[in-house]
Amino acid sequence: MTGITKDMTVGDIIKANPEVVPVLMNAGMHCIGCPSAAGESLEEAAMVHGIDIDEIMNVIDAM
């Protein structure tokens, strides 16, 4: 898996690592394909959805 950081856009993460989609969906980020995903960082998306970015990063890092 390509290294994922919280400052990467959701769109870039999904393009490089589609296996992360279920993790994001399970965390409550159901707008994976929305236009915001193309320009919003993972950290920004987590904040908008009220999700702890460190929890998501821990799950992603454990993959």
N, C-alpha and C. Protein backbone atom coordinates (compact mmCIF):
# COMPACT_ATOMS: atom_id res chain seq x y z
N MET A 1 0.85 -1.18 0.00
CA MET A 1 0.00 0.00 0.00
C MET A 1 0.89 1.23 0.00
N THR A 2 0.48 2.21 -0.79
CA THR A 2 1.20 3.48 -0.85
C THR A 2 1.03 4.21 0.47
N GLY A 3 2.09 4.88 0.95
CA GLY A 3 2.02 5.61 2.20
C GLY A 3 0.92 6.66 2.18
N ILE A 4 0.08 6.64 3.18
CA ILE A 4 -1.03 7.57 3.27
C ILE A 4 -0.76 8.52 4.42
N THR A 5 -0.96 9.80 4.14
CA THR A 5 -0.82 10.82 5.18
C THR A 5 -2.13 11.58 5.29
N LYS A 6 -2.34 12.22 6.42
CA LYS A 6 -3.61 12.92 6.63
C LYS A 6 -3.73 14.19 5.80
N ASP A 7 -2.64 14.63 5.18
CA ASP A 7 -2.73 15.83 4.33
C ASP A 7 -2.98 15.49 2.86
N MET A 8 -3.04 14.20 2.53
CA MET A 8 -3.37 13.78 1.16
C MET A 8 -4.86 13.98 0.92
N THR A 9 -5.24 14.27 -0.33
CA THR A 9 -6.66 14.39 -0.62
C THR A 9 -7.31 13.01 -0.59
N VAL A 10 -8.57 13.00 -0.25
CA VAL A 10 -9.32 11.74 -0.22
C VAL A 10 -9.29 11.11 -1.61
N GLY A 11 -9.45 11.94 -2.64
CA GLY A 11 -9.41 11.42 -4.01
C GLY A 11 -8.10 10.74 -4.35
N ASP A 12 -6.97 11.34 -3.96
CA ASP A 12 -5.66 10.73 -4.24
C ASP A 12 -5.48 9.43 -3.47
N ILE A 13 -5.97 9.41 -2.25
CA ILE A 13 -5.87 8.19 -1.43
C ILE A 13 -6.63 7.05 -2.09
N ILE A 14 -7.85 7.34 -2.54
CA ILE A 14 -8.68 6.31 -3.15
C ILE A 14 -8.09 5.82 -4.46
N LYS A 15 -7.54 6.73 -5.27
CA LYS A 15 -6.92 6.32 -6.54
C LYS A 15 -5.74 5.38 -6.30
N ALA A 16 -4.90 5.71 -5.33
CA ALA A 16 -3.69 4.92 -5.07
C ALA A 16 -3.96 3.69 -4.21
N ASN A 17 -5.01 3.75 -3.37
CA ASN A 17 -5.26 2.68 -2.40
C ASN A 17 -6.76 2.42 -2.27
N PRO A 18 -7.40 1.86 -3.30
CA PRO A 18 -8.85 1.65 -3.24
C PRO A 18 -9.29 0.76 -2.08
N GLU A 19 -8.38 -0.03 -1.54
CA GLU A 19 -8.73 -0.90 -0.42
C GLU A 19 -9.03 -0.12 0.85
N VAL A 20 -8.76 1.18 0.86
CA VAL A 20 -9.03 2.02 2.03
C VAL A 20 -10.49 2.48 2.06
N VAL A 21 -11.20 2.35 0.94
CA VAL A 21 -12.59 2.81 0.87
C VAL A 21 -13.45 2.24 2.00
N PRO A 22 -13.41 0.92 2.27
CA PRO A 22 -14.25 0.40 3.36
C PRO A 22 -13.91 1.02 4.73
N VAL A 23 -12.65 1.33 4.95
CA VAL A 23 -12.25 1.96 6.22
C VAL A 23 -12.90 3.33 6.34
N LEU A 24 -12.84 4.10 5.26
CA LEU A 24 -13.44 5.43 5.28
C LEU A 24 -14.95 5.35 5.41
N MET A 25 -15.57 4.43 4.69
CA MET A 25 -17.02 4.26 4.76
C MET A 25 -17.45 3.86 6.17
N ASN A 26 -16.73 2.92 6.77
CA ASN A 26 -17.06 2.46 8.13
C ASN A 26 -16.89 3.57 9.15
N ALA A 27 -15.99 4.51 8.86
CA ALA A 27 -15.77 5.64 9.78
C ALA A 27 -16.85 6.71 9.64
N GLY A 28 -17.66 6.62 8.58
CA GLY A 28 -18.72 7.59 8.39
C GLY A 28 -18.51 8.54 7.23
N MET A 29 -17.47 8.33 6.46
CA MET A 29 -17.21 9.17 5.28
C MET A 29 -17.87 8.53 4.08
N HIS A 30 -19.16 8.78 3.91
CA HIS A 30 -19.92 8.14 2.85
C HIS A 30 -19.90 8.91 1.54
N CYS A 31 -19.23 10.04 1.51
CA CYS A 31 -19.20 10.85 0.28
C CYS A 31 -17.89 10.64 -0.46
N ILE A 32 -17.46 9.42 -0.54
CA ILE A 32 -16.19 9.07 -1.19
C ILE A 32 -16.13 9.61 -2.62
N GLY A 33 -17.22 9.56 -3.35
CA GLY A 33 -17.21 9.99 -4.74
C GLY A 33 -17.67 11.42 -4.96
N CYS A 34 -17.94 12.16 -3.90
CA CYS A 34 -18.44 13.52 -4.07
C CYS A 34 -17.31 14.45 -4.51
N PRO A 35 -17.67 15.58 -5.11
CA PRO A 35 -16.64 16.52 -5.59
C PRO A 35 -15.67 16.99 -4.50
N SER A 36 -16.13 17.09 -3.28
CA SER A 36 -15.25 17.53 -2.19
C SER A 36 -14.08 16.58 -1.98
N ALA A 37 -14.31 15.30 -2.24
CA ALA A 37 -13.26 14.30 -2.03
C ALA A 37 -12.04 14.56 -2.89
N ALA A 38 -12.24 15.20 -4.03
CA ALA A 38 -11.12 15.47 -4.94
C ALA A 38 -10.16 16.50 -4.38
N GLY A 39 -10.66 17.45 -3.60
CA GLY A 39 -9.79 18.53 -3.14
C GLY A 39 -9.64 18.63 -1.64
N GLU A 40 -10.34 17.79 -0.91
CA GLU A 40 -10.32 17.87 0.55
C GLU A 40 -9.32 16.87 1.11
N SER A 41 -8.49 17.32 2.04
CA SER A 41 -7.54 16.39 2.66
C SER A 41 -8.29 15.42 3.56
N LEU A 42 -7.65 14.32 3.86
CA LEU A 42 -8.24 13.34 4.76
C LEU A 42 -8.54 13.97 6.12
N GLU A 43 -7.63 14.81 6.58
CA GLU A 43 -7.82 15.47 7.87
C GLU A 43 -9.02 16.43 7.82
N GLU A 44 -9.15 17.18 6.73
CA GLU A 44 -10.29 18.09 6.58
C GLU A 44 -11.61 17.32 6.52
N ALA A 45 -11.61 16.22 5.77
CA ALA A 45 -12.82 15.40 5.66
C ALA A 45 -13.20 14.82 7.01
N ALA A 46 -12.22 14.38 7.77
CA ALA A 46 -12.50 13.84 9.10
C ALA A 46 -13.11 14.92 9.99
N MET A 47 -12.56 16.11 9.94
CA MET A 47 -13.06 17.21 10.76
C MET A 47 -14.51 17.54 10.39
N VAL A 48 -14.80 17.63 9.09
CA VAL A 48 -16.15 17.94 8.63
C VAL A 48 -17.15 16.90 9.11
N HIS A 49 -16.72 15.64 9.15
CA HIS A 49 -17.61 14.55 9.56
C HIS A 49 -17.57 14.28 11.07
N GLY A 50 -16.78 15.04 11.80
CA GLY A 50 -16.70 14.84 13.26
C GLY A 50 -16.01 13.55 13.64
N ILE A 51 -15.02 13.17 12.86
CA ILE A 51 -14.30 11.91 13.07
C ILE A 51 -12.88 12.21 13.52
N ASP A 52 -12.38 11.43 14.46
CA ASP A 52 -11.02 11.60 14.97
C ASP A 52 -10.02 11.09 13.92
N ILE A 53 -9.23 11.99 13.36
CA ILE A 53 -8.28 11.64 12.30
C ILE A 53 -7.25 10.62 12.79
N ASP A 54 -6.86 10.71 14.05
CA ASP A 54 -5.87 9.76 14.56
C ASP A 54 -6.42 8.34 14.60
N GLU A 55 -7.71 8.18 14.88
CA GLU A 55 -8.31 6.85 14.87
C GLU A 55 -8.30 6.27 13.46
N ILE A 56 -8.66 7.09 12.49
CA ILE A 56 -8.65 6.62 11.10
C ILE A 56 -7.23 6.26 10.67
N MET A 57 -6.26 7.11 11.00
CA MET A 57 -4.87 6.84 10.63
C MET A 57 -4.36 5.56 11.28
N ASN A 58 -4.77 5.29 12.50
CA ASN A 58 -4.36 4.05 13.18
C ASN A 58 -4.89 2.82 12.43
N VAL A 59 -6.14 2.88 11.98
CA VAL A 59 -6.71 1.77 11.23
C VAL A 59 -6.01 1.60 9.89
N ILE A 60 -5.79 2.71 9.21
CA ILE A 60 -5.10 2.65 7.91
C ILE A 60 -3.67 2.13 8.07
N ASP A 61 -2.97 2.61 9.07
CA ASP A 61 -1.58 2.17 9.29
C ASP A 61 -1.50 0.70 9.64
N ALA A 62 -2.56 0.14 10.23
CA ALA A 62 -2.57 -1.27 10.61
C ALA A 62 -2.86 -2.20 9.44
N MET A 63 -3.25 -1.61 8.30
CA MET A 63 -3.59 -2.45 7.12
C MET A 63 -2.35 -3.07 6.50
